[in-house]
Amino acid sequence: MSENLDSFTNLMQRALNGDNRAYSELLQKTAQLLRPYLAKRLLFANDVDDVLQEILLSVHKARHTYDGGRPYLPWLYAIARFRLSDYLREHYADDLKHASDIADWENLLPETVTETAFSYESIRAEVEKLPAKQAIILQLMHEQGHTAKEVASLIGMNESAVKVAAHRAYKVLKTKLMP
């Protein structure tokens, strides 16, 4: 790996000294190195190509800032990270411009979407047939509007036990009430 790192640095130094073949090889190796990095972070191949092209252009434009005494790859990855961030920021900002407001969709939904077929009053007789603790828990939660935490403190149980008992009661009611 160190030999590979040195080859990038060596190619960049030769390119800065005017070696066009070294520069061409450096850009090709850079593209090969960055393509998998970008492919893991972007969904579409054409996005990978676009960002890779932006990175290579940035490398070309900023090559005069490269310090020949330092390794090439950290310098490259800094540029790649910034270009990728720029692309994602622009891409998601564009998506947000075209996103619709959820409030617009609420008016299109029928009012019955969030209504249930049962109310506590309509199933009270079935709730009363449940074991006493389960019936009390459902009464406190659904008739009186208490949270599981409040019910737990009212009847001396821990919150998890209240949630488990309520869940079991729901399962029993579902089998009795649903066809």
N, C-alpha and C. Protein backbone atom coordinates (compact mmCIF):
# COMPACT_ATOMS: atom_id res chain seq x y z
N MET A 1 0.82 -1.19 0.00
CA MET A 1 0.00 0.00 0.00
C MET A 1 0.86 1.25 0.00
N SER A 2 1.94 1.24 0.77
CA SER A 2 2.84 2.39 0.82
C SER A 2 3.42 2.68 -0.56
N GLU A 3 3.71 1.58 -1.30
CA GLU A 3 4.25 1.76 -2.65
C GLU A 3 3.22 2.45 -3.54
N ASN A 4 1.94 2.09 -3.37
CA ASN A 4 0.87 2.70 -4.13
C ASN A 4 0.73 4.18 -3.77
N LEU A 5 0.82 4.49 -2.48
CA LEU A 5 0.75 5.88 -2.03
C LEU A 5 1.91 6.69 -2.63
N ASP A 6 3.09 6.10 -2.60
CA ASP A 6 4.26 6.79 -3.14
C ASP A 6 4.11 7.01 -4.64
N SER A 7 3.45 6.07 -5.35
CA SER A 7 3.31 6.22 -6.79
C SER A 7 2.40 7.42 -7.11
N PHE A 8 1.34 7.64 -6.34
CA PHE A 8 0.48 8.80 -6.56
C PHE A 8 1.27 10.09 -6.34
N THR A 9 2.00 10.13 -5.24
CA THR A 9 2.78 11.31 -4.92
C THR A 9 3.85 11.55 -5.98
N ASN A 10 4.51 10.49 -6.40
CA ASN A 10 5.54 10.57 -7.43
C ASN A 10 4.95 11.08 -8.75
N LEU A 11 3.80 10.53 -9.13
CA LEU A 11 3.14 10.96 -10.37
C LEU A 11 2.76 12.44 -10.31
N MET A 12 2.26 12.87 -9.16
CA MET A 12 1.86 14.28 -9.03
C MET A 12 3.08 15.19 -9.12
N GLN A 13 4.16 14.79 -8.47
CA GLN A 13 5.37 15.61 -8.53
C GLN A 13 5.91 15.69 -9.96
N ARG A 14 5.89 14.57 -10.67
CA ARG A 14 6.35 14.56 -12.06
C ARG A 14 5.41 15.42 -12.94
N ALA A 15 4.11 15.33 -12.66
CA ALA A 15 3.14 16.12 -13.43
C ALA A 15 3.36 17.62 -13.20
N LEU A 16 3.66 17.99 -11.97
CA LEU A 16 3.92 19.41 -11.68
C LEU A 16 5.19 19.90 -12.35
N ASN A 17 6.10 18.99 -12.65
CA ASN A 17 7.34 19.35 -13.35
C ASN A 17 7.16 19.32 -14.86
N GLY A 18 5.91 19.12 -15.34
CA GLY A 18 5.63 19.20 -16.76
C GLY A 18 5.52 17.88 -17.49
N ASP A 19 5.54 16.76 -16.82
CA ASP A 19 5.43 15.45 -17.47
C ASP A 19 3.95 15.16 -17.76
N ASN A 20 3.53 15.33 -19.01
CA ASN A 20 2.13 15.15 -19.39
C ASN A 20 1.66 13.70 -19.26
N ARG A 21 2.56 12.75 -19.55
CA ARG A 21 2.18 11.33 -19.40
C ARG A 21 1.92 10.99 -17.93
N ALA A 22 2.76 11.52 -17.07
CA ALA A 22 2.56 11.27 -15.63
C ALA A 22 1.24 11.89 -15.17
N TYR A 23 0.92 13.06 -15.70
CA TYR A 23 -0.33 13.72 -15.33
C TYR A 23 -1.53 12.91 -15.81
N SER A 24 -1.47 12.41 -17.03
CA SER A 24 -2.54 11.59 -17.57
C SER A 24 -2.71 10.32 -16.74
N GLU A 25 -1.59 9.67 -16.41
CA GLU A 25 -1.64 8.46 -15.60
C GLU A 25 -2.19 8.76 -14.20
N LEU A 26 -1.79 9.89 -13.64
CA LEU A 26 -2.27 10.29 -12.32
C LEU A 26 -3.79 10.46 -12.33
N LEU A 27 -4.33 11.13 -13.33
CA LEU A 27 -5.77 11.33 -13.40
C LEU A 27 -6.52 10.01 -13.61
N GLN A 28 -5.95 9.12 -14.40
CA GLN A 28 -6.58 7.81 -14.61
C GLN A 28 -6.59 7.00 -13.31
N LYS A 29 -5.47 6.98 -12.60
CA LYS A 29 -5.40 6.24 -11.34
C LYS A 29 -6.29 6.88 -10.28
N THR A 30 -6.35 8.19 -10.30
CA THR A 30 -7.23 8.90 -9.36
C THR A 30 -8.68 8.53 -9.61
N ALA A 31 -9.08 8.49 -10.88
CA ALA A 31 -10.46 8.11 -11.22
C ALA A 31 -10.74 6.68 -10.78
N GLN A 32 -9.79 5.76 -10.99
CA GLN A 32 -9.98 4.37 -10.57
C GLN A 32 -10.10 4.26 -9.06
N LEU A 33 -9.36 5.08 -8.35
CA LEU A 33 -9.40 5.06 -6.89
C LEU A 33 -10.72 5.63 -6.36
N LEU A 34 -11.20 6.70 -6.97
CA LEU A 34 -12.37 7.39 -6.44
C LEU A 34 -13.71 6.78 -6.87
N ARG A 35 -13.74 6.09 -7.99
CA ARG A 35 -15.01 5.56 -8.49
C ARG A 35 -15.71 4.67 -7.44
N PRO A 36 -15.03 3.68 -6.82
CA PRO A 36 -15.72 2.88 -5.79
C PRO A 36 -16.13 3.71 -4.57
N TYR A 37 -15.31 4.67 -4.20
CA TYR A 37 -15.61 5.57 -3.07
C TYR A 37 -16.92 6.30 -3.34
N LEU A 38 -17.08 6.82 -4.55
CA LEU A 38 -18.29 7.55 -4.91
C LEU A 38 -19.48 6.62 -5.11
N ALA A 39 -19.23 5.44 -5.67
CA ALA A 39 -20.32 4.50 -5.93
C ALA A 39 -21.00 4.05 -4.64
N LYS A 40 -20.26 4.01 -3.54
CA LYS A 40 -20.84 3.64 -2.26
C LYS A 40 -21.72 4.76 -1.69
N ARG A 41 -21.50 5.97 -2.16
CA ARG A 41 -22.18 7.12 -1.59
C ARG A 41 -23.27 7.71 -2.48
N LEU A 42 -23.30 7.30 -3.73
CA LEU A 42 -24.28 7.83 -4.68
C LEU A 42 -25.09 6.69 -5.28
N LEU A 43 -26.32 6.96 -5.58
CA LEU A 43 -27.23 5.92 -6.03
C LEU A 43 -27.08 5.56 -7.51
N PHE A 44 -26.84 6.55 -8.36
CA PHE A 44 -26.84 6.31 -9.80
C PHE A 44 -25.45 6.47 -10.40
N ALA A 45 -25.16 5.65 -11.40
CA ALA A 45 -23.85 5.66 -12.06
C ALA A 45 -23.57 7.00 -12.73
N ASN A 46 -24.60 7.62 -13.31
CA ASN A 46 -24.35 8.92 -13.94
C ASN A 46 -24.01 9.99 -12.91
N ASP A 47 -24.52 9.86 -11.67
CA ASP A 47 -24.13 10.78 -10.60
C ASP A 47 -22.67 10.57 -10.23
N VAL A 48 -22.25 9.31 -10.20
CA VAL A 48 -20.85 8.99 -9.91
C VAL A 48 -19.96 9.64 -10.96
N ASP A 49 -20.33 9.49 -12.22
CA ASP A 49 -19.53 10.09 -13.30
C ASP A 49 -19.49 11.62 -13.19
N ASP A 50 -20.62 12.22 -12.87
CA ASP A 50 -20.67 13.69 -12.75
C ASP A 50 -19.78 14.19 -11.63
N VAL A 51 -19.88 13.55 -10.47
CA VAL A 51 -19.08 13.99 -9.33
C VAL A 51 -17.60 13.70 -9.57
N LEU A 52 -17.30 12.56 -10.18
CA LEU A 52 -15.92 12.23 -10.49
C LEU A 52 -15.32 13.27 -11.43
N GLN A 53 -16.09 13.68 -12.42
CA GLN A 53 -15.60 14.72 -13.33
C GLN A 53 -15.36 16.04 -12.59
N GLU A 54 -16.25 16.39 -11.68
CA GLU A 54 -16.07 17.62 -10.89
C GLU A 54 -14.80 17.53 -10.04
N ILE A 55 -14.56 16.36 -9.46
CA ILE A 55 -13.37 16.18 -8.63
C ILE A 55 -12.10 16.31 -9.49
N LEU A 56 -12.09 15.66 -10.65
CA LEU A 56 -10.91 15.74 -11.51
C LEU A 56 -10.67 17.16 -12.00
N LEU A 57 -11.74 17.89 -12.29
CA LEU A 57 -11.58 19.30 -12.66
C LEU A 57 -11.02 20.12 -11.50
N SER A 58 -11.50 19.82 -10.30
CA SER A 58 -10.99 20.53 -9.12
C SER A 58 -9.52 20.22 -8.87
N VAL A 59 -9.14 18.96 -9.07
CA VAL A 59 -7.72 18.58 -8.94
C VAL A 59 -6.89 19.36 -9.94
N HIS A 60 -7.40 19.44 -11.16
CA HIS A 60 -6.67 20.17 -12.21
C HIS A 60 -6.53 21.66 -11.86
N LYS A 61 -7.62 22.25 -11.42
CA LYS A 61 -7.60 23.68 -11.10
C LYS A 61 -6.77 24.00 -9.86
N ALA A 62 -6.72 23.05 -8.91
CA ALA A 62 -6.05 23.30 -7.65
C ALA A 62 -4.66 22.68 -7.57
N ARG A 63 -4.17 22.12 -8.66
CA ARG A 63 -2.88 21.42 -8.60
C ARG A 63 -1.75 22.33 -8.16
N HIS A 64 -1.86 23.62 -8.40
CA HIS A 64 -0.82 24.56 -7.98
C HIS A 64 -0.75 24.70 -6.45
N THR A 65 -1.83 24.26 -5.75
CA THR A 65 -1.84 24.35 -4.28
C THR A 65 -1.22 23.12 -3.62
N TYR A 66 -0.95 22.10 -4.42
CA TYR A 66 -0.40 20.87 -3.86
C TYR A 66 1.03 21.11 -3.38
N ASP A 67 1.30 20.68 -2.16
CA ASP A 67 2.63 20.79 -1.57
C ASP A 67 3.37 19.48 -1.87
N GLY A 68 4.37 19.54 -2.73
CA GLY A 68 5.11 18.36 -3.17
C GLY A 68 5.77 17.58 -2.05
N GLY A 69 5.95 18.17 -0.89
CA GLY A 69 6.56 17.47 0.23
C GLY A 69 5.58 16.66 1.05
N ARG A 70 4.32 16.73 0.68
CA ARG A 70 3.29 16.01 1.44
C ARG A 70 2.64 14.96 0.55
N PRO A 71 1.99 13.96 1.14
CA PRO A 71 1.35 12.91 0.36
C PRO A 71 0.18 13.46 -0.48
N TYR A 72 -0.04 12.83 -1.61
CA TYR A 72 -1.07 13.25 -2.55
C TYR A 72 -2.48 12.86 -2.09
N LEU A 73 -2.65 11.64 -1.57
CA LEU A 73 -3.99 11.12 -1.29
C LEU A 73 -4.78 11.93 -0.26
N PRO A 74 -4.21 12.38 0.85
CA PRO A 74 -5.01 13.20 1.77
C PRO A 74 -5.49 14.50 1.09
N TRP A 75 -4.64 15.08 0.26
CA TRP A 75 -5.01 16.29 -0.47
C TRP A 75 -6.17 15.97 -1.42
N LEU A 76 -6.06 14.84 -2.12
CA LEU A 76 -7.11 14.41 -3.05
C LEU A 76 -8.42 14.14 -2.31
N TYR A 77 -8.35 13.41 -1.20
CA TYR A 77 -9.58 13.07 -0.48
C TYR A 77 -10.26 14.31 0.09
N ALA A 78 -9.52 15.31 0.46
CA ALA A 78 -10.13 16.56 0.92
C ALA A 78 -10.94 17.18 -0.21
N ILE A 79 -10.36 17.22 -1.40
CA ILE A 79 -11.06 17.77 -2.56
C ILE A 79 -12.29 16.92 -2.87
N ALA A 80 -12.14 15.60 -2.87
CA ALA A 80 -13.25 14.69 -3.18
C ALA A 80 -14.39 14.86 -2.18
N ARG A 81 -14.06 14.95 -0.91
CA ARG A 81 -15.08 15.10 0.12
C ARG A 81 -15.86 16.40 -0.07
N PHE A 82 -15.15 17.49 -0.37
CA PHE A 82 -15.83 18.78 -0.58
C PHE A 82 -16.71 18.75 -1.83
N ARG A 83 -16.24 18.17 -2.91
CA ARG A 83 -17.03 18.11 -4.15
C ARG A 83 -18.26 17.24 -3.95
N LEU A 84 -18.10 16.12 -3.26
CA LEU A 84 -19.24 15.25 -2.98
C LEU A 84 -20.26 15.97 -2.11
N SER A 85 -19.79 16.66 -1.09
CA SER A 85 -20.71 17.42 -0.22
C SER A 85 -21.44 18.49 -1.01
N ASP A 86 -20.72 19.19 -1.87
CA ASP A 86 -21.35 20.22 -2.71
C ASP A 86 -22.45 19.61 -3.58
N TYR A 87 -22.13 18.48 -4.19
CA TYR A 87 -23.10 17.82 -5.07
C TYR A 87 -24.35 17.40 -4.28
N LEU A 88 -24.15 16.76 -3.14
CA LEU A 88 -25.28 16.29 -2.35
C LEU A 88 -26.12 17.47 -1.84
N ARG A 89 -25.46 18.52 -1.40
CA ARG A 89 -26.17 19.70 -0.93
C ARG A 89 -27.04 20.28 -2.05
N GLU A 90 -26.47 20.41 -3.22
CA GLU A 90 -27.20 20.94 -4.37
C GLU A 90 -28.34 20.00 -4.78
N HIS A 91 -28.05 18.71 -4.81
CA HIS A 91 -29.04 17.72 -5.21
C HIS A 91 -30.24 17.72 -4.26
N TYR A 92 -29.98 17.70 -2.95
CA TYR A 92 -31.07 17.66 -2.00
C TYR A 92 -31.79 18.99 -1.90
N ALA A 93 -31.09 20.08 -2.08
CA ALA A 93 -31.74 21.39 -2.09
C ALA A 93 -32.71 21.47 -3.26
N ASP A 94 -32.31 20.92 -4.41
CA ASP A 94 -33.18 20.92 -5.58
C ASP A 94 -34.41 20.05 -5.32
N ASP A 95 -34.23 18.90 -4.67
CA ASP A 95 -35.36 18.04 -4.32
C ASP A 95 -36.34 18.76 -3.40
N LEU A 96 -35.80 19.52 -2.45
CA LEU A 96 -36.66 20.24 -1.51
C LEU A 96 -37.47 21.33 -2.21
N LYS A 97 -36.90 21.94 -3.24
CA LYS A 97 -37.63 22.97 -3.98
C LYS A 97 -38.87 22.39 -4.66
N HIS A 98 -38.77 21.13 -5.08
CA HIS A 98 -39.86 20.51 -5.81
C HIS A 98 -40.76 19.63 -4.93
N ALA A 99 -40.46 19.58 -3.64
CA ALA A 99 -41.26 18.76 -2.73
C ALA A 99 -42.58 19.46 -2.45
N SER A 100 -43.62 18.68 -2.24
CA SER A 100 -44.91 19.27 -1.92
C SER A 100 -45.08 19.28 -0.41
N ASP A 101 -45.85 20.23 0.05
CA ASP A 101 -46.11 20.37 1.47
C ASP A 101 -47.13 19.32 1.89
N ILE A 102 -46.90 18.67 3.00
CA ILE A 102 -47.80 17.61 3.48
C ILE A 102 -49.20 18.16 3.74
N ALA A 103 -49.29 19.42 4.11
CA ALA A 103 -50.60 20.02 4.37
C ALA A 103 -51.47 20.01 3.11
N ASP A 104 -50.85 20.12 1.95
CA ASP A 104 -51.61 20.06 0.70
C ASP A 104 -52.25 18.69 0.51
N TRP A 105 -51.58 17.65 0.97
CA TRP A 105 -52.10 16.30 0.80
C TRP A 105 -53.18 15.96 1.82
N GLU A 106 -53.14 16.59 2.97
CA GLU A 106 -54.13 16.29 4.01
C GLU A 106 -55.54 16.60 3.53
N ASN A 107 -55.69 17.64 2.72
CA ASN A 107 -57.02 18.02 2.23
C ASN A 107 -57.56 17.02 1.21
N LEU A 108 -56.69 16.25 0.59
CA LEU A 108 -57.11 15.30 -0.42
C LEU A 108 -57.57 13.96 0.17
N LEU A 109 -57.14 13.68 1.40
CA LEU A 109 -57.48 12.41 2.02
C LEU A 109 -58.90 12.44 2.57
N PRO A 110 -59.62 11.36 2.44
CA PRO A 110 -60.96 11.34 3.05
C PRO A 110 -60.82 11.38 4.57
N GLU A 111 -61.81 11.92 5.23
CA GLU A 111 -61.74 12.07 6.69
C GLU A 111 -61.72 10.74 7.42
N THR A 112 -62.19 9.69 6.76
CA THR A 112 -62.27 8.39 7.42
C THR A 112 -60.93 7.66 7.47
N VAL A 113 -59.89 8.22 6.89
CA VAL A 113 -58.59 7.54 6.87
C VAL A 113 -58.07 7.31 8.28
N THR A 114 -58.23 8.28 9.16
CA THR A 114 -57.68 8.14 10.50
C THR A 114 -58.70 7.66 11.52
N GLU A 115 -59.93 7.48 11.10
CA GLU A 115 -60.94 7.00 12.02
C GLU A 115 -60.87 5.49 12.14
N THR A 116 -61.18 4.99 13.33
CA THR A 116 -61.22 3.54 13.52
C THR A 116 -62.67 3.09 13.53
N ALA A 117 -62.85 1.84 13.27
CA ALA A 117 -64.21 1.29 13.25
C ALA A 117 -64.76 1.13 14.66
N PHE A 118 -63.86 1.19 15.67
CA PHE A 118 -64.29 0.95 17.05
C PHE A 118 -63.93 2.15 17.92
N SER A 119 -64.79 2.42 18.86
CA SER A 119 -64.46 3.38 19.91
C SER A 119 -64.46 2.60 21.22
N TYR A 120 -63.95 3.21 22.26
CA TYR A 120 -63.93 2.50 23.55
C TYR A 120 -65.34 2.16 23.97
N GLU A 121 -66.26 3.09 23.74
CA GLU A 121 -67.65 2.88 24.15
C GLU A 121 -68.27 1.69 23.42
N SER A 122 -67.93 1.52 22.14
CA SER A 122 -68.54 0.44 21.36
C SER A 122 -68.01 -0.94 21.73
N ILE A 123 -66.87 -0.99 22.37
CA ILE A 123 -66.30 -2.31 22.73
C ILE A 123 -66.19 -2.49 24.25
N ARG A 124 -66.83 -1.60 25.01
CA ARG A 124 -66.74 -1.65 26.47
C ARG A 124 -67.14 -3.02 27.01
N ALA A 125 -68.18 -3.63 26.47
CA ALA A 125 -68.64 -4.94 26.96
C ALA A 125 -67.54 -5.99 26.80
N GLU A 126 -66.81 -5.95 25.66
CA GLU A 126 -65.73 -6.91 25.44
C GLU A 126 -64.54 -6.61 26.36
N VAL A 127 -64.27 -5.35 26.61
CA VAL A 127 -63.16 -4.97 27.49
C VAL A 127 -63.43 -5.48 28.90
N GLU A 128 -64.68 -5.39 29.33
CA GLU A 128 -65.03 -5.83 30.68
C GLU A 128 -64.90 -7.34 30.85
N LYS A 129 -64.89 -8.10 29.77
CA LYS A 129 -64.72 -9.55 29.82
C LYS A 129 -63.24 -9.95 29.95
N LEU A 130 -62.34 -9.01 29.75
CA LEU A 130 -60.90 -9.28 29.86
C LEU A 130 -60.52 -9.50 31.32
N PRO A 131 -59.34 -10.08 31.59
CA PRO A 131 -58.86 -10.15 32.97
C PRO A 131 -58.85 -8.73 33.59
N ALA A 132 -59.06 -8.66 34.88
CA ALA A 132 -59.27 -7.38 35.58
C ALA A 132 -58.17 -6.36 35.30
N LYS A 133 -56.89 -6.76 35.41
CA LYS A 133 -55.80 -5.80 35.20
C LYS A 133 -55.82 -5.25 33.78
N GLN A 134 -56.03 -6.11 32.80
CA GLN A 134 -56.06 -5.66 31.41
C GLN A 134 -57.23 -4.70 31.18
N ALA A 135 -58.39 -5.01 31.75
CA ALA A 135 -59.56 -4.15 31.60
C ALA A 135 -59.30 -2.78 32.23
N ILE A 136 -58.71 -2.76 33.41
CA ILE A 136 -58.40 -1.49 34.09
C ILE A 136 -57.40 -0.67 33.28
N ILE A 137 -56.38 -1.34 32.76
CA ILE A 137 -55.36 -0.65 31.96
C ILE A 137 -55.99 0.00 30.73
N LEU A 138 -56.82 -0.76 30.01
CA LEU A 138 -57.46 -0.19 28.81
C LEU A 138 -58.42 0.94 29.17
N GLN A 139 -59.14 0.78 30.27
CA GLN A 139 -60.05 1.84 30.70
C GLN A 139 -59.28 3.12 31.01
N LEU A 140 -58.19 2.98 31.76
CA LEU A 140 -57.40 4.17 32.11
C LEU A 140 -56.75 4.82 30.88
N MET A 141 -56.29 3.99 29.97
CA MET A 141 -55.59 4.54 28.81
C MET A 141 -56.56 5.11 27.77
N HIS A 142 -57.65 4.42 27.50
CA HIS A 142 -58.50 4.82 26.37
C HIS A 142 -59.75 5.58 26.77
N GLU A 143 -60.28 5.34 27.95
CA GLU A 143 -61.46 6.08 28.37
C GLU A 143 -61.04 7.36 29.09
N GLN A 144 -60.00 7.27 29.92
CA GLN A 144 -59.59 8.44 30.69
C GLN A 144 -58.40 9.17 30.08
N GLY A 145 -57.72 8.56 29.09
CA GLY A 145 -56.66 9.25 28.36
C GLY A 145 -55.30 9.30 29.04
N HIS A 146 -55.03 8.39 29.96
CA HIS A 146 -53.73 8.36 30.64
C HIS A 146 -52.68 7.69 29.75
N THR A 147 -51.43 8.06 29.96
CA THR A 147 -50.32 7.41 29.26
C THR A 147 -49.98 6.12 29.99
N ALA A 148 -49.18 5.28 29.35
CA ALA A 148 -48.75 4.03 29.98
C ALA A 148 -47.96 4.32 31.26
N LYS A 149 -47.17 5.36 31.24
CA LYS A 149 -46.38 5.73 32.42
C LYS A 149 -47.30 6.14 33.58
N GLU A 150 -48.33 6.92 33.27
CA GLU A 150 -49.27 7.35 34.30
C GLU A 150 -50.07 6.17 34.85
N VAL A 151 -50.49 5.28 33.97
CA VAL A 151 -51.23 4.09 34.39
C VAL A 151 -50.36 3.24 35.32
N ALA A 152 -49.10 3.10 34.96
CA ALA A 152 -48.18 2.31 35.78
C ALA A 152 -48.10 2.85 37.19
N SER A 153 -47.99 4.16 37.34
CA SER A 153 -47.90 4.72 38.69
C SER A 153 -49.24 4.64 39.42
N LEU A 154 -50.35 4.72 38.69
CA LEU A 154 -51.66 4.64 39.33
C LEU A 154 -51.97 3.25 39.88
N ILE A 155 -51.55 2.20 39.16
CA ILE A 155 -51.92 0.85 39.61
C ILE A 155 -50.74 0.07 40.19
N GLY A 156 -49.58 0.71 40.32
CA GLY A 156 -48.45 0.08 40.98
C GLY A 156 -47.73 -0.96 40.14
N MET A 157 -47.65 -0.77 38.85
CA MET A 157 -46.90 -1.66 37.97
C MET A 157 -45.80 -0.85 37.31
N ASN A 158 -44.84 -1.56 36.71
CA ASN A 158 -43.86 -0.78 35.95
C ASN A 158 -44.42 -0.54 34.55
N GLU A 159 -43.88 0.47 33.87
CA GLU A 159 -44.40 0.90 32.58
C GLU A 159 -44.35 -0.21 31.53
N SER A 160 -43.28 -0.97 31.51
CA SER A 160 -43.16 -2.06 30.54
C SER A 160 -44.26 -3.10 30.73
N ALA A 161 -44.55 -3.43 31.98
CA ALA A 161 -45.60 -4.42 32.26
C ALA A 161 -46.96 -3.91 31.80
N VAL A 162 -47.20 -2.61 31.96
CA VAL A 162 -48.46 -2.02 31.51
C VAL A 162 -48.57 -2.14 29.99
N LYS A 163 -47.48 -1.84 29.29
CA LYS A 163 -47.49 -1.92 27.83
C LYS A 163 -47.71 -3.35 27.35
N VAL A 164 -47.08 -4.31 28.02
CA VAL A 164 -47.24 -5.71 27.64
C VAL A 164 -48.68 -6.16 27.89
N ALA A 165 -49.23 -5.79 29.02
CA ALA A 165 -50.62 -6.17 29.34
C ALA A 165 -51.59 -5.54 28.33
N ALA A 166 -51.37 -4.30 27.97
CA ALA A 166 -52.23 -3.63 26.99
C ALA A 166 -52.13 -4.32 25.64
N HIS A 167 -50.92 -4.66 25.26
CA HIS A 167 -50.72 -5.33 23.98
C HIS A 167 -51.46 -6.67 23.95
N ARG A 168 -51.35 -7.40 25.01
CA ARG A 168 -52.04 -8.70 25.08
C ARG A 168 -53.56 -8.51 25.03
N ALA A 169 -54.03 -7.47 25.68
CA ALA A 169 -55.47 -7.18 25.65
C ALA A 169 -55.91 -6.82 24.23
N TYR A 170 -55.10 -6.03 23.54
CA TYR A 170 -55.43 -5.68 22.15
C TYR A 170 -55.52 -6.92 21.27
N LYS A 171 -54.59 -7.85 21.47
CA LYS A 171 -54.60 -9.07 20.66
C LYS A 171 -55.89 -9.86 20.91
N VAL A 172 -56.31 -9.97 22.17
CA VAL A 172 -57.53 -10.70 22.49
C VAL A 172 -58.74 -10.01 21.87
N LEU A 173 -58.79 -8.69 21.99
CA LEU A 173 -59.91 -7.94 21.42
C LEU A 173 -59.94 -8.05 19.91
N LYS A 174 -58.78 -8.04 19.31
CA LYS A 174 -58.72 -8.15 17.84
C LYS A 174 -59.31 -9.47 17.38
N THR A 175 -58.96 -10.56 18.06
CA THR A 175 -59.49 -11.87 17.63
C THR A 175 -61.00 -11.95 17.86
N LYS A 176 -61.51 -11.29 18.89
CA LYS A 176 -62.94 -11.34 19.17
C LYS A 176 -63.73 -10.41 18.25
N LEU A 177 -63.17 -9.27 17.89
CA LEU A 177 -63.93 -8.25 17.16
C LEU A 177 -63.73 -8.24 15.66
N MET A 178 -62.64 -8.77 15.21
CA MET A 178 -62.35 -8.74 13.77
C MET A 178 -62.83 -10.04 13.15
N PRO A 179 -63.46 -9.99 11.99
CA PRO A 179 -63.97 -11.22 11.37
C PRO A 179 -62.88 -12.09 10.84
